[in-house]
Amino acid sequence: MDSFFEENLDVLQNLEFGTIQRHPPALRLGDRARRVFTWVQSLCEARLGRPLPSGETLPLTAVPVSTLVRCLREIQKSIARWSRQGGRRGYLDFVSRYLPH
């Protein structure tokens, strides 16, 4: 990490937190996309150590927001890569090889 960023990380974080103090725009998602979004959002909350909408908590180790964001970005890149190679189902076909059926 650049020394400027290391020395000013607290200032940068304060400014970044200030920029996210807004409500996200309403999403216009189809039914399937909304279900995926809701599921991923719940899992993200759980991985941050927060309770699920039902109030229960999952036995998962909490991770920092920065780690979660980096993981989401990696998945986003993977989706783009595998969709280019395999079309609309490229990523789904790729990832299904590693998940139990």
Protein backbone atom coordinates (compact mmCIF):
# COMPACT_ATOMS: atom_id res chain seq x y z
CA MET A 1 0.00 0.00 0.00
CA ASP A 2 1.21 3.50 -0.84
CA SER A 3 2.64 5.35 2.20
CA PHE A 4 0.18 8.23 1.70
CA PHE A 5 -2.72 5.83 2.01
CA GLU A 6 -1.18 4.10 5.02
CA GLU A 7 -0.59 7.40 6.81
CA ASN A 8 -4.05 8.76 6.02
CA LEU A 9 -6.15 5.64 6.18
CA ASP A 10 -8.25 6.94 9.06
CA VAL A 11 -9.01 10.20 7.20
CA LEU A 12 -9.85 8.34 4.00
CA GLN A 13 -12.14 5.96 5.89
CA ASN A 14 -13.93 8.87 7.57
CA LEU A 15 -14.52 10.53 4.21
CA GLU A 16 -15.59 7.27 2.60
CA PHE A 17 -18.06 6.55 5.39
CA GLY A 18 -19.48 10.04 4.88
CA THR A 19 -20.06 9.35 1.21
CA ILE A 20 -22.11 6.23 1.88
CA GLN A 21 -24.58 7.87 4.33
CA ARG A 22 -27.41 7.82 1.82
CA HIS A 23 -30.17 5.45 0.93
CA PRO A 24 -29.51 3.30 -2.11
CA PRO A 25 -31.80 3.88 -5.08
CA ALA A 26 -34.76 1.58 -5.46
CA LEU A 27 -33.77 -1.47 -7.47
CA ARG A 28 -35.78 -2.50 -10.48
CA LEU A 29 -35.20 -6.22 -10.51
CA GLY A 30 -37.13 -9.12 -11.89
CA ASP A 31 -38.37 -11.78 -9.49
CA ARG A 32 -35.37 -14.10 -9.91
CA ALA A 33 -32.82 -11.27 -9.67
CA ARG A 34 -34.57 -9.91 -6.56
CA ARG A 35 -34.36 -13.33 -4.88
CA VAL A 36 -30.64 -13.58 -5.69
CA PHE A 37 -30.03 -10.04 -4.43
CA THR A 38 -31.93 -10.67 -1.19
CA TRP A 39 -30.07 -13.94 -0.59
CA VAL A 40 -26.63 -12.39 -1.22
CA GLN A 41 -27.50 -9.36 0.89
CA SER A 42 -28.50 -11.63 3.81
CA LEU A 43 -25.29 -13.63 3.47
CA CYS A 44 -23.23 -10.44 3.42
CA GLU A 45 -24.94 -9.26 6.59
CA ALA A 46 -24.26 -12.63 8.23
CA ARG A 47 -20.59 -12.56 7.16
CA LEU A 48 -20.32 -9.13 8.78
CA GLY A 49 -21.57 -10.69 12.02
CA ARG A 50 -25.02 -9.13 11.83
CA PRO A 51 -28.24 -11.05 12.46
CA LEU A 52 -30.40 -12.21 9.59
CA PRO A 53 -33.80 -10.54 9.03
CA SER A 54 -35.30 -13.41 11.03
CA GLY A 55 -33.14 -12.36 13.99
CA GLU A 56 -31.04 -15.52 13.95
CA THR A 57 -27.29 -15.51 13.49
CA LEU A 58 -25.29 -18.01 11.49
CA PRO A 59 -22.21 -19.68 12.97
CA LEU A 60 -19.85 -17.82 10.66
CA THR A 61 -16.69 -15.93 11.41
CA ALA A 62 -17.28 -12.23 10.87
CA VAL A 63 -15.09 -10.57 8.26
CA PRO A 64 -14.23 -6.88 7.81
CA VAL A 65 -16.26 -4.88 5.29
CA SER A 66 -13.13 -4.44 3.16
CA THR A 67 -12.72 -8.21 2.85
CA LEU A 68 -16.37 -8.68 1.95
CA VAL A 69 -16.20 -5.92 -0.69
CA ARG A 70 -13.07 -7.45 -2.19
CA CYS A 71 -14.76 -10.87 -2.34
CA LEU A 72 -17.82 -9.37 -4.05
CA ARG A 73 -15.58 -7.62 -6.59
CA GLU A 74 -13.74 -10.87 -7.32
CA ILE A 75 -17.06 -12.64 -7.90
CA GLN A 76 -18.15 -9.79 -10.16
CA LYS A 77 -14.97 -10.20 -12.23
CA SER A 78 -15.47 -13.95 -12.35
CA ILE A 79 -19.05 -13.54 -13.57
CA ALA A 80 -17.86 -11.26 -16.37
CA ARG A 81 -15.00 -13.60 -17.33
CA TRP A 82 -17.08 -16.79 -17.41
CA SER A 83 -20.02 -15.09 -19.12
CA ARG A 84 -17.71 -13.94 -21.92
CA GLN A 85 -16.45 -17.50 -22.33
CA GLY A 86 -19.68 -19.40 -21.87
CA GLY A 87 -22.53 -17.01 -22.58
CA ARG A 88 -25.42 -16.23 -20.24
CA ARG A 89 -24.95 -19.42 -18.24
CA GLY A 90 -21.14 -19.35 -18.33
CA TYR A 91 -20.64 -18.36 -14.72
CA LEU A 92 -23.43 -20.60 -13.45
CA ASP A 93 -21.99 -23.59 -15.32
CA PHE A 94 -18.52 -22.81 -13.99
CA VAL A 95 -19.47 -22.38 -10.36
CA SER A 96 -21.87 -25.35 -10.29
CA ARG A 97 -18.88 -27.67 -10.73
CA TYR A 98 -17.67 -26.67 -7.27
CA LEU A 99 -20.96 -26.72 -5.37
CA PRO A 100 -22.74 -29.76 -3.98
CA HIS A 101 -25.87 -30.75 -5.86
